[in-house]
Amino acid sequence: MENGNRKEMRIDHDHLFKELLQDFFEEFILLFFPNVHEEIDFAHLKFLDKELFNDTLRRRSKEVDMAVENQAQR
């Protein structure tokens, strides 16, 4: 097929990766950060998209693509 005659098929890899990370977050933490796994309450996770963190000491801001808010186990 010619490029002009077919619809572009674009895969949103960023969105797919975020979905995978959300669906398998506990397994991801267990695999890559086993020392903190027991401290996370996985029943109370909140996934945040496009968060801005301000570093007032260095007078800089940093944007992250995805952050996870949670409660620590007590």
PDB file of N, CA and C in Angstrom:
ATOM      1  N   MET A   1       0.828  -1.190   0.000  1.00  0.00           N
ATOM      2  CA  MET A   1       0.000   0.000   0.000  1.00  0.00           C
ATOM      3  C   MET A   1       0.870   1.249   0.000  1.00  0.00           C
ATOM      4  N   GLU A   2       0.379   2.261  -0.615  1.00  0.00           N
ATOM      5  CA  GLU A   2       1.084   3.533  -0.611  1.00  0.00           C
ATOM      6  C   GLU A   2       0.821   4.258   0.695  1.00  0.00           C
ATOM      7  N   ASN A   3       1.780   5.078   1.095  1.00  0.00           N
ATOM      8  CA  ASN A   3       1.625   5.840   2.334  1.00  0.00           C
ATOM      9  C   ASN A   3       0.423   6.767   2.305  1.00  0.00           C
ATOM     10  N   GLY A   4       0.132   7.365   1.192  1.00  0.00           N
ATOM     11  CA  GLY A   4      -0.974   8.310   1.101  1.00  0.00           C
ATOM     12  C   GLY A   4      -2.346   7.657   1.159  1.00  0.00           C
ATOM     13  N   ASN A   5      -2.443   6.383   0.821  1.00  0.00           N
ATOM     14  CA  ASN A   5      -3.726   5.699   0.763  1.00  0.00           C
ATOM     15  C   ASN A   5      -4.095   4.940   2.036  1.00  0.00           C
ATOM     16  N   ARG A   6      -3.191   4.836   2.937  1.00  0.00           N
ATOM     17  CA  ARG A   6      -3.518   4.101   4.161  1.00  0.00           C
ATOM     18  C   ARG A   6      -3.521   5.052   5.353  1.00  0.00           C
ATOM     19  N   LYS A   7      -4.323   4.696   6.304  1.00  0.00           N
ATOM     20  CA  LYS A   7      -4.360   5.480   7.533  1.00  0.00           C
ATOM     21  C   LYS A   7      -3.136   5.131   8.353  1.00  0.00           C
ATOM     22  N   GLU A   8      -2.568   6.153   8.958  1.00  0.00           N
ATOM     23  CA  GLU A   8      -1.417   5.906   9.806  1.00  0.00           C
ATOM     24  C   GLU A   8      -1.852   5.155  11.049  1.00  0.00           C
ATOM     25  N   MET A   9      -1.149   4.090  11.343  1.00  0.00           N
ATOM     26  CA  MET A   9      -1.409   3.352  12.572  1.00  0.00           C
ATOM     27  C   MET A   9      -0.327   3.762  13.567  1.00  0.00           C
ATOM     28  N   ARG A  10      -0.724   4.547  14.538  1.00  0.00           N
ATOM     29  CA  ARG A  10       0.226   5.002  15.548  1.00  0.00           C
ATOM     30  C   ARG A  10      -0.116   4.343  16.871  1.00  0.00           C
ATOM     31  N   ILE A  11       0.890   3.824  17.516  1.00  0.00           N
ATOM     32  CA  ILE A  11       0.709   3.189  18.815  1.00  0.00           C
ATOM     33  C   ILE A  11       1.182   4.167  19.880  1.00  0.00           C
ATOM     34  N   ASP A  12       0.339   4.410  20.843  1.00  0.00           N
ATOM     35  CA  ASP A  12       0.680   5.309  21.938  1.00  0.00           C
ATOM     36  C   ASP A  12       1.419   4.506  23.004  1.00  0.00           C
ATOM     37  N   HIS A  13       2.726   4.358  22.826  1.00  0.00           N
ATOM     38  CA  HIS A  13       3.533   3.557  23.736  1.00  0.00           C
ATOM     39  C   HIS A  13       3.536   4.130  25.150  1.00  0.00           C
ATOM     40  N   ASP A  14       3.518   5.436  25.268  1.00  0.00           N
ATOM     41  CA  ASP A  14       3.517   6.084  26.576  1.00  0.00           C
ATOM     42  C   ASP A  14       2.277   5.676  27.371  1.00  0.00           C
ATOM     43  N   HIS A  15       1.136   5.730  26.732  1.00  0.00           N
ATOM     44  CA  HIS A  15      -0.119   5.355  27.384  1.00  0.00           C
ATOM     45  C   HIS A  15      -0.123   3.865  27.756  1.00  0.00           C
ATOM     46  N   LEU A  16       0.342   3.024  26.844  1.00  0.00           N
ATOM     47  CA  LEU A  16       0.392   1.590  27.120  1.00  0.00           C
ATOM     48  C   LEU A  16       1.324   1.267  28.284  1.00  0.00           C
ATOM     49  N   PHE A  17       2.472   1.941  28.333  1.00  0.00           N
ATOM     50  CA  PHE A  17       3.415   1.707  29.427  1.00  0.00           C
ATOM     51  C   PHE A  17       2.805   2.127  30.765  1.00  0.00           C
ATOM     52  N   LYS A  18       2.120   3.260  30.786  1.00  0.00           N
ATOM     53  CA  LYS A  18       1.474   3.716  32.020  1.00  0.00           C
ATOM     54  C   LYS A  18       0.405   2.725  32.483  1.00  0.00           C
ATOM     55  N   GLU A  19      -0.359   2.198  31.550  1.00  0.00           N
ATOM     56  CA  GLU A  19      -1.378   1.202  31.901  1.00  0.00           C
ATOM     57  C   GLU A  19      -0.748  -0.061  32.473  1.00  0.00           C
ATOM     58  N   LEU A  20       0.321  -0.526  31.840  1.00  0.00           N
ATOM     59  CA  LEU A  20       1.017  -1.713  32.338  1.00  0.00           C
ATOM     60  C   LEU A  20       1.573  -1.475  33.740  1.00  0.00           C
ATOM     61  N   LEU A  21       2.172  -0.324  33.941  1.00  0.00           N
ATOM     62  CA  LEU A  21       2.740  -0.009  35.247  1.00  0.00           C
ATOM     63  C   LEU A  21       1.652   0.063  36.311  1.00  0.00           C
ATOM     64  N   GLN A  22       0.515   0.628  35.970  1.00  0.00           N
ATOM     65  CA  GLN A  22      -0.588   0.693  36.931  1.00  0.00           C
ATOM     66  C   GLN A  22      -1.151  -0.700  37.221  1.00  0.00           C
ATOM     67  N   ASP A  23      -1.327  -1.502  36.188  1.00  0.00           N
ATOM     68  CA  ASP A  23      -1.902  -2.842  36.366  1.00  0.00           C
ATOM     69  C   ASP A  23      -0.981  -3.785  37.136  1.00  0.00           C
ATOM     70  N   PHE A  24       0.326  -3.611  36.972  1.00  0.00           N
ATOM     71  CA  PHE A  24       1.287  -4.510  37.596  1.00  0.00           C
ATOM     72  C   PHE A  24       2.223  -3.767  38.554  1.00  0.00           C
ATOM     73  N   PHE A  25       1.708  -2.720  39.201  1.00  0.00           N
ATOM     74  CA  PHE A  25       2.553  -1.890  40.056  1.00  0.00           C
ATOM     75  C   PHE A  25       3.142  -2.678  41.225  1.00  0.00           C
ATOM     76  N   GLU A  26       2.322  -3.479  41.876  1.00  0.00           N
ATOM     77  CA  GLU A  26       2.835  -4.244  43.020  1.00  0.00           C
ATOM     78  C   GLU A  26       3.937  -5.206  42.586  1.00  0.00           C
ATOM     79  N   GLU A  27       3.746  -5.882  41.473  1.00  0.00           N
ATOM     80  CA  GLU A  27       4.771  -6.793  40.963  1.00  0.00           C
ATOM     81  C   GLU A  27       6.039  -6.033  40.567  1.00  0.00           C
ATOM     82  N   PHE A  28       5.874  -4.854  39.987  1.00  0.00           N
ATOM     83  CA  PHE A  28       7.010  -4.011  39.608  1.00  0.00           C
ATOM     84  C   PHE A  28       7.825  -3.633  40.842  1.00  0.00           C
ATOM     85  N   ILE A  29       7.136  -3.202  41.892  1.00  0.00           N
ATOM     86  CA  ILE A  29       7.829  -2.819  43.125  1.00  0.00           C
ATOM     87  C   ILE A  29       8.527  -4.030  43.731  1.00  0.00           C
ATOM     88  N   LEU A  30       7.851  -5.153  43.777  1.00  0.00           N
ATOM     89  CA  LEU A  30       8.433  -6.369  44.344  1.00  0.00           C
ATOM     90  C   LEU A  30       9.699  -6.792  43.585  1.00  0.00           C
ATOM     91  N   LEU A  31       9.679  -6.652  42.270  1.00  0.00           N
ATOM     92  CA  LEU A  31      10.816  -7.057  41.452  1.00  0.00           C
ATOM     93  C   LEU A  31      11.993  -6.082  41.559  1.00  0.00           C
ATOM     94  N   PHE A  32      11.713  -4.770  41.477  1.00  0.00           N
ATOM     95  CA  PHE A  32      12.793  -3.791  41.414  1.00  0.00           C
ATOM     96  C   PHE A  32      13.119  -3.119  42.751  1.00  0.00           C
ATOM     97  N   PHE A  33      12.175  -3.098  43.677  1.00  0.00           N
ATOM     98  CA  PHE A  33      12.383  -2.454  44.980  1.00  0.00           C
ATOM     99  C   PHE A  33      11.857  -3.346  46.106  1.00  0.00           C
ATOM    100  N   PRO A  34      12.379  -4.556  46.231  1.00  0.00           N
ATOM    101  CA  PRO A  34      11.821  -5.489  47.215  1.00  0.00           C
ATOM    102  C   PRO A  34      11.945  -4.993  48.652  1.00  0.00           C
ATOM    103  N   ASN A  35      12.912  -4.141  48.932  1.00  0.00           N
ATOM    104  CA  ASN A  35      13.105  -3.667  50.296  1.00  0.00           C
ATOM    105  C   ASN A  35      12.008  -2.706  50.757  1.00  0.00           C
ATOM    106  N   VAL A  36      11.262  -2.094  49.846  1.00  0.00           N
ATOM    107  CA  VAL A  36      10.175  -1.187  50.241  1.00  0.00           C
ATOM    108  C   VAL A  36       8.792  -1.791  50.027  1.00  0.00           C
ATOM    109  N   HIS A  37       8.738  -2.969  49.446  1.00  0.00           N
ATOM    110  CA  HIS A  37       7.450  -3.595  49.124  1.00  0.00           C
ATOM    111  C   HIS A  37       6.548  -3.712  50.344  1.00  0.00           C
ATOM    112  N   GLU A  38       7.077  -4.155  51.461  1.00  0.00           N
ATOM    113  CA  GLU A  38       6.274  -4.373  52.668  1.00  0.00           C
ATOM    114  C   GLU A  38       5.781  -3.070  53.299  1.00  0.00           C
ATOM    115  N   GLU A  39       6.385  -1.948  52.937  1.00  0.00           N
ATOM    116  CA  GLU A  39       6.014  -0.661  53.527  1.00  0.00           C
ATOM    117  C   GLU A  39       4.889   0.049  52.774  1.00  0.00           C
ATOM    118  N   ILE A  40       4.489  -0.475  51.634  1.00  0.00           N
ATOM    119  CA  ILE A  40       3.480   0.179  50.794  1.00  0.00           C
ATOM    120  C   ILE A  40       2.124  -0.477  50.993  1.00  0.00           C
ATOM    121  N   ASP A  41       1.112   0.345  51.163  1.00  0.00           N
ATOM    122  CA  ASP A  41      -0.261  -0.143  51.257  1.00  0.00           C
ATOM    123  C   ASP A  41      -0.846  -0.115  49.842  1.00  0.00           C
ATOM    124  N   PHE A  42      -0.835  -1.242  49.166  1.00  0.00           N
ATOM    125  CA  PHE A  42      -1.249  -1.310  47.768  1.00  0.00           C
ATOM    126  C   PHE A  42      -2.755  -1.154  47.583  1.00  0.00           C
ATOM    127  N   ALA A  43      -3.508  -1.200  48.660  1.00  0.00           N
ATOM    128  CA  ALA A  43      -4.958  -1.000  48.567  1.00  0.00           C
ATOM    129  C   ALA A  43      -5.299   0.485  48.465  1.00  0.00           C
ATOM    130  N   HIS A  44      -4.334   1.358  48.721  1.00  0.00           N
ATOM    131  CA  HIS A  44      -4.596   2.803  48.728  1.00  0.00           C
ATOM    132  C   HIS A  44      -3.650   3.548  47.794  1.00  0.00           C
ATOM    133  N   LEU A  45      -3.522   3.087  46.571  1.00  0.00           N
ATOM    134  CA  LEU A  45      -2.677   3.758  45.581  1.00  0.00           C
ATOM    135  C   LEU A  45      -3.493   4.753  44.784  1.00  0.00           C
ATOM    136  N   LYS A  46      -2.864   5.854  44.451  1.00  0.00           N
ATOM    137  CA  LYS A  46      -3.494   6.845  43.577  1.00  0.00           C
ATOM    138  C   LYS A  46      -2.447   7.244  42.539  1.00  0.00           C
ATOM    139  N   PHE A  47      -2.746   6.975  41.270  1.00  0.00           N
ATOM    140  CA  PHE A  47      -1.820   7.300  40.195  1.00  0.00           C
ATOM    141  C   PHE A  47      -2.105   8.723  39.712  1.00  0.00           C
ATOM    142  N   LEU A  48      -1.058   9.527  39.655  1.00  0.00           N
ATOM    143  CA  LEU A  48      -1.170  10.927  39.276  1.00  0.00           C
ATOM    144  C   LEU A  48      -0.441  11.148  37.963  1.00  0.00           C
ATOM    145  N   ASP A  49      -1.059  11.882  37.067  1.00  0.00           N
ATOM    146  CA  ASP A  49      -0.486  12.133  35.742  1.00  0.00           C
ATOM    147  C   ASP A  49       0.059  13.552  35.669  1.00  0.00           C
ATOM    148  N   LYS A  50       1.250  13.706  35.124  1.00  0.00           N
ATOM    149  CA  LYS A  50       1.877  15.011  34.888  1.00  0.00           C
ATOM    150  C   LYS A  50       1.920  15.863  36.156  1.00  0.00           C
ATOM    151  N   GLU A  51       2.803  15.497  37.062  1.00  0.00           N
ATOM    152  CA  GLU A  51       2.962  16.235  38.310  1.00  0.00           C
ATOM    153  C   GLU A  51       4.175  17.158  38.220  1.00  0.00           C
ATOM    154  N   LEU A  52       4.071  18.318  38.852  1.00  0.00           N
ATOM    155  CA  LEU A  52       5.146  19.303  38.879  1.00  0.00           C
ATOM    156  C   LEU A  52       5.681  19.398  40.298  1.00  0.00           C
ATOM    157  N   PHE A  53       6.981  19.204  40.451  1.00  0.00           N
ATOM    158  CA  PHE A  53       7.632  19.297  41.750  1.00  0.00           C
ATOM    159  C   PHE A  53       8.552  20.504  41.749  1.00  0.00           C
ATOM    160  N   ASN A  54       8.406  21.336  42.757  1.00  0.00           N
ATOM    161  CA  ASN A  54       9.234  22.531  42.873  1.00  0.00           C
ATOM    162  C   ASN A  54      10.346  22.304  43.883  1.00  0.00           C
ATOM    163  N   ASP A  55      11.568  22.619  43.490  1.00  0.00           N
ATOM    164  CA  ASP A  55      12.722  22.577  44.374  1.00  0.00           C
ATOM    165  C   ASP A  55      13.063  24.027  44.702  1.00  0.00           C
ATOM    166  N   THR A  56      12.563  24.492  45.825  1.00  0.00           N
ATOM    167  CA  THR A  56      12.731  25.905  46.162  1.00  0.00           C
ATOM    168  C   THR A  56      14.161  26.249  46.524  1.00  0.00           C
ATOM    169  N   LEU A  57      14.925  25.302  47.054  1.00  0.00           N
ATOM    170  CA  LEU A  57      16.320  25.576  47.402  1.00  0.00           C
ATOM    171  C   LEU A  57      17.171  25.810  46.156  1.00  0.00           C
ATOM    172  N   ARG A  58      16.916  25.034  45.128  1.00  0.00           N
ATOM    173  CA  ARG A  58      17.691  25.169  43.881  1.00  0.00           C
ATOM    174  C   ARG A  58      16.990  26.058  42.860  1.00  0.00           C
ATOM    175  N   ARG A  59      15.793  26.510  43.204  1.00  0.00           N
ATOM    176  CA  ARG A  59      14.989  27.367  42.315  1.00  0.00           C
ATOM    177  C   ARG A  59      14.754  26.709  40.960  1.00  0.00           C
ATOM    178  N   ARG A  60      14.338  25.443  41.037  1.00  0.00           N
ATOM    179  CA  ARG A  60      14.034  24.687  39.823  1.00  0.00           C
ATOM    180  C   ARG A  60      12.716  23.965  39.998  1.00  0.00           C
ATOM    181  N   SER A  61      12.125  23.615  38.879  1.00  0.00           N
ATOM    182  CA  SER A  61      10.926  22.780  38.868  1.00  0.00           C
ATOM    183  C   SER A  61      11.203  21.576  37.989  1.00  0.00           C
ATOM    184  N   LYS A  62      10.564  20.485  38.334  1.00  0.00           N
ATOM    185  CA  LYS A  62      10.729  19.270  37.545  1.00  0.00           C
ATOM    186  C   LYS A  62       9.362  18.652  37.335  1.00  0.00           C
ATOM    187  N   GLU A  63       9.066  18.308  36.092  1.00  0.00           N
ATOM    188  CA  GLU A  63       7.806  17.654  35.775  1.00  0.00           C
ATOM    189  C   GLU A  63       8.045  16.157  35.604  1.00  0.00           C
ATOM    190  N   VAL A  64       7.208  15.369  36.265  1.00  0.00           N
ATOM    191  CA  VAL A  64       7.280  13.918  36.086  1.00  0.00           C
ATOM    192  C   VAL A  64       6.055  13.476  35.309  1.00  0.00           C
ATOM    193  N   ASP A  65       6.215  12.436  34.535  1.00  0.00           N
ATOM    194  CA  ASP A  65       5.151  11.951  33.670  1.00  0.00           C
ATOM    195  C   ASP A  65       4.060  11.241  34.466  1.00  0.00           C
ATOM    196  N   MET A  66       4.471  10.515  35.522  1.00  0.00           N
ATOM    197  CA  MET A  66       3.502   9.825  36.352  1.00  0.00           C
ATOM    198  C   MET A  66       4.095   9.676  37.752  1.00  0.00           C
ATOM    199  N   ALA A  67       3.266   9.882  38.750  1.00  0.00           N
ATOM    200  CA  ALA A  67       3.664   9.689  40.139  1.00  0.00           C
ATOM    201  C   ALA A  67       2.624   8.825  40.812  1.00  0.00           C
ATOM    202  N   VAL A  68       3.016   8.200  41.926  1.00  0.00           N
ATOM    203  CA  VAL A  68       2.092   7.349  42.669  1.00  0.00           C
ATOM    204  C   VAL A  68       2.041   7.855  44.102  1.00  0.00           C
ATOM    205  N   GLU A  69       0.828   8.133  44.529  1.00  0.00           N
ATOM    206  CA  GLU A  69       0.597   8.556  45.916  1.00  0.00           C
ATOM    207  C   GLU A  69       0.109   7.336  46.680  1.00  0.00           C
ATOM    208  N   ASN A  70       0.658   7.118  47.869  1.00  0.00           N
ATOM    209  CA  ASN A  70       0.228   5.965  48.657  1.00  0.00           C
ATOM    210  C   ASN A  70       0.361   6.238  50.146  1.00  0.00           C
ATOM    211  N   GLN A  71      -0.135   5.304  50.926  1.00  0.00           N
ATOM    212  CA  GLN A  71      -0.001   5.366  52.365  1.00  0.00           C
ATOM    213  C   GLN A  71       0.980   4.290  52.781  1.00  0.00           C
ATOM    214  N   ALA A  72       1.827   4.627  53.728  1.00  0.00           N
ATOM    215  CA  ALA A  72       2.761   3.633  54.238  1.00  0.00           C
ATOM    216  C   ALA A  72       2.041   2.700  55.192  1.00  0.00           C
ATOM    217  N   GLN A  73       2.467   1.457  55.210  1.00  0.00           N
ATOM    218  CA  GLN A  73       1.914   0.492  56.157  1.00  0.00           C
ATOM    219  C   GLN A  73       2.335   0.908  57.563  1.00  0.00           C
ATOM    220  N   ARG A  74       1.474   0.694  58.508  1.00  0.00           N
ATOM    221  CA  ARG A  74       1.821   1.036  59.905  1.00  0.00           C
ATOM    222  C   ARG A  74       2.074  -0.194  60.707  1.00  0.00           C
TER     223      ARG A  74
END
